[in-house]
């Protein structure tokens, strides 16, 4: 299994649903318009939002408004090549939850990825 810190955009893009669902961290894949195309089972379970509710939705406007800011959403617009890990606090529809986000985008892959790693030991 490829770790949160090591997996590449190309590897994520090449995985099928079963491979994505086996990852221990959340994976959200967005098209260039911000619509959710990929939403793995780990993220669905930890966020409490079903795939059917999220896939096809506008991520930054309707699903994760707390990420619609200069730290996350704007970076995808400003940086065509992006591989950054940031500390973040999820706040929408939940108690404040500290996480690490990994933002991935390359010119070669049509999807942008937000990886979400939660400290499960603190749960």
Protein backbone atom coordinates (compact mmCIF):
# COMPACT_ATOMS: atom_id res chain seq x y z
CA UNK A 1 0.00 0.00 0.00
CA UNK A 2 1.32 3.43 -0.87
CA UNK A 3 1.56 5.90 1.99
CA UNK A 4 0.01 9.34 2.26
CA UNK A 5 3.43 10.96 1.84
CA UNK A 6 4.68 8.80 -1.03
CA UNK A 7 1.81 8.13 -3.42
CA UNK A 8 1.92 10.02 -6.73
CA UNK A 9 -0.83 11.69 -8.71
CA UNK A 10 -0.27 9.18 -11.52
CA UNK A 11 -0.57 6.23 -9.11
CA UNK A 12 -3.84 7.58 -7.71
CA UNK A 13 -5.20 8.20 -11.19
CA UNK A 14 -4.33 4.64 -12.23
CA UNK A 15 -6.06 2.95 -9.27
CA UNK A 16 -9.43 1.32 -9.47
CA UNK A 17 -12.09 1.81 -6.78
CA UNK A 18 -10.93 -1.23 -4.79
CA UNK A 19 -7.37 0.08 -4.68
CA UNK A 20 -8.49 3.54 -3.63
CA UNK A 21 -10.82 2.10 -0.99
CA UNK A 22 -7.97 0.06 0.51
CA UNK A 23 -5.96 3.20 1.33
CA UNK A 24 -5.92 4.20 5.00
CA UNK A 25 -6.43 7.90 4.20
CA UNK A 26 -9.12 9.86 2.43
CA UNK A 27 -8.84 10.46 -1.32
CA UNK A 28 -10.93 13.04 -3.14
CA UNK A 29 -10.37 13.53 -6.88
CA UNK A 30 -11.70 16.66 -8.54
CA UNK A 31 -12.03 17.59 -12.17
CA UNK A 32 -10.78 21.00 -13.32
CA UNK A 33 -14.20 22.51 -12.55
CA UNK A 34 -14.12 21.34 -8.92
CA UNK A 35 -16.61 18.50 -9.33
CA UNK A 36 -15.91 15.39 -7.28
CA UNK A 37 -15.07 12.41 -9.50
CA UNK A 38 -13.25 10.19 -6.96
CA UNK A 39 -14.27 9.71 -3.32
CA UNK A 40 -12.85 6.69 -1.55
CA UNK A 41 -14.52 4.58 1.13
CA UNK A 42 -12.10 5.72 3.82
CA UNK A 43 -13.03 9.36 3.35
CA UNK A 44 -16.73 8.51 3.15
CA UNK A 45 -16.58 6.62 6.46
CA UNK A 46 -14.48 9.18 8.32
CA UNK A 47 -16.29 12.25 7.00
CA UNK A 48 -19.72 10.69 7.38
CA UNK A 49 -20.72 11.64 3.84
CA UNK A 50 -21.78 8.94 1.39
CA UNK A 51 -20.31 8.60 -2.08
CA UNK A 52 -23.73 9.14 -3.62
CA UNK A 53 -24.01 12.48 -1.81
CA UNK A 54 -20.51 13.67 -2.78
CA UNK A 55 -19.62 12.36 -6.26
CA UNK A 56 -20.74 14.83 -8.90
CA UNK A 57 -21.01 17.65 -6.38
CA UNK A 58 -19.15 20.94 -6.41
CA UNK A 59 -16.45 20.28 -3.80
CA UNK A 60 -15.39 23.75 -2.69
CA UNK A 61 -18.82 25.39 -2.98
CA UNK A 62 -21.16 22.69 -1.62
CA UNK A 63 -19.26 19.88 0.09
CA UNK A 64 -16.15 21.28 1.77
CA UNK A 65 -16.67 25.01 2.01
CA UNK A 66 -14.07 25.13 4.81
CA UNK A 67 -11.44 24.36 2.12
CA UNK A 68 -12.63 27.12 -0.22
CA UNK A 69 -9.80 29.48 0.66
CA UNK A 70 -6.29 30.55 -0.29
CA UNK A 71 -4.72 27.58 1.52
CA UNK A 72 -6.50 24.89 -0.51
CA UNK A 73 -8.83 25.83 -3.39
CA UNK A 74 -6.82 28.82 -4.60
CA UNK A 75 -3.60 26.81 -4.74
CA UNK A 76 -5.12 24.52 -7.38
CA UNK A 77 -5.87 27.60 -9.47
CA UNK A 78 -2.47 29.22 -8.96
CA UNK A 79 -0.10 26.24 -9.15
CA UNK A 80 -0.33 23.93 -12.19
CA UNK A 81 2.18 21.58 -10.55
CA UNK A 82 1.36 21.03 -6.90
CA UNK A 83 2.48 18.58 -4.22
CA UNK A 84 2.05 20.16 -0.82
CA UNK A 85 1.22 18.92 2.67
CA UNK A 86 -0.52 21.35 4.99
CA UNK A 87 -1.90 21.18 8.50
CA UNK A 88 -5.59 21.99 8.40
CA UNK A 89 -8.65 21.92 10.65
CA UNK A 90 -11.88 20.57 9.19
CA UNK A 91 -14.81 22.50 10.63
CA UNK A 92 -17.86 21.98 8.44
CA UNK A 93 -20.57 19.65 9.75
CA UNK A 94 -18.29 18.30 12.49
CA UNK A 95 -16.39 19.27 15.58
CA UNK A 96 -13.07 20.88 14.63
CA UNK A 97 -10.86 18.03 13.42
CA UNK A 98 -7.12 18.55 12.85
CA UNK A 99 -5.88 16.78 9.72
CA UNK A 100 -3.03 16.81 7.25
CA UNK A 101 -4.03 17.59 3.68
CA UNK A 102 -1.91 16.69 0.71
CA UNK A 103 -2.74 18.67 -2.42
CA UNK A 104 -1.70 17.01 -5.67
CA UNK A 105 -1.94 18.31 -9.21
CA UNK A 106 0.13 17.78 -12.35
CA UNK A 107 -0.27 18.88 -15.94
CA UNK A 108 -0.25 15.22 -17.06
CA UNK A 109 -3.24 14.01 -14.99
CA UNK A 110 -6.70 15.52 -15.54
CA UNK A 111 -7.77 15.23 -11.87
CA UNK A 112 -6.66 17.21 -8.84
CA UNK A 113 -6.40 15.27 -5.60
CA UNK A 114 -6.97 16.18 -1.98
CA UNK A 115 -5.68 13.51 0.39
CA UNK A 116 -6.86 13.64 3.99
CA UNK A 117 -4.90 12.02 6.80
CA UNK A 118 -6.50 12.01 10.22
CA UNK A 119 -4.80 11.19 13.50
CA UNK A 120 -6.90 8.15 14.34
CA UNK A 121 -5.00 7.58 17.59
CA UNK A 122 -6.59 10.78 18.89
CA UNK A 123 -10.14 9.61 18.18
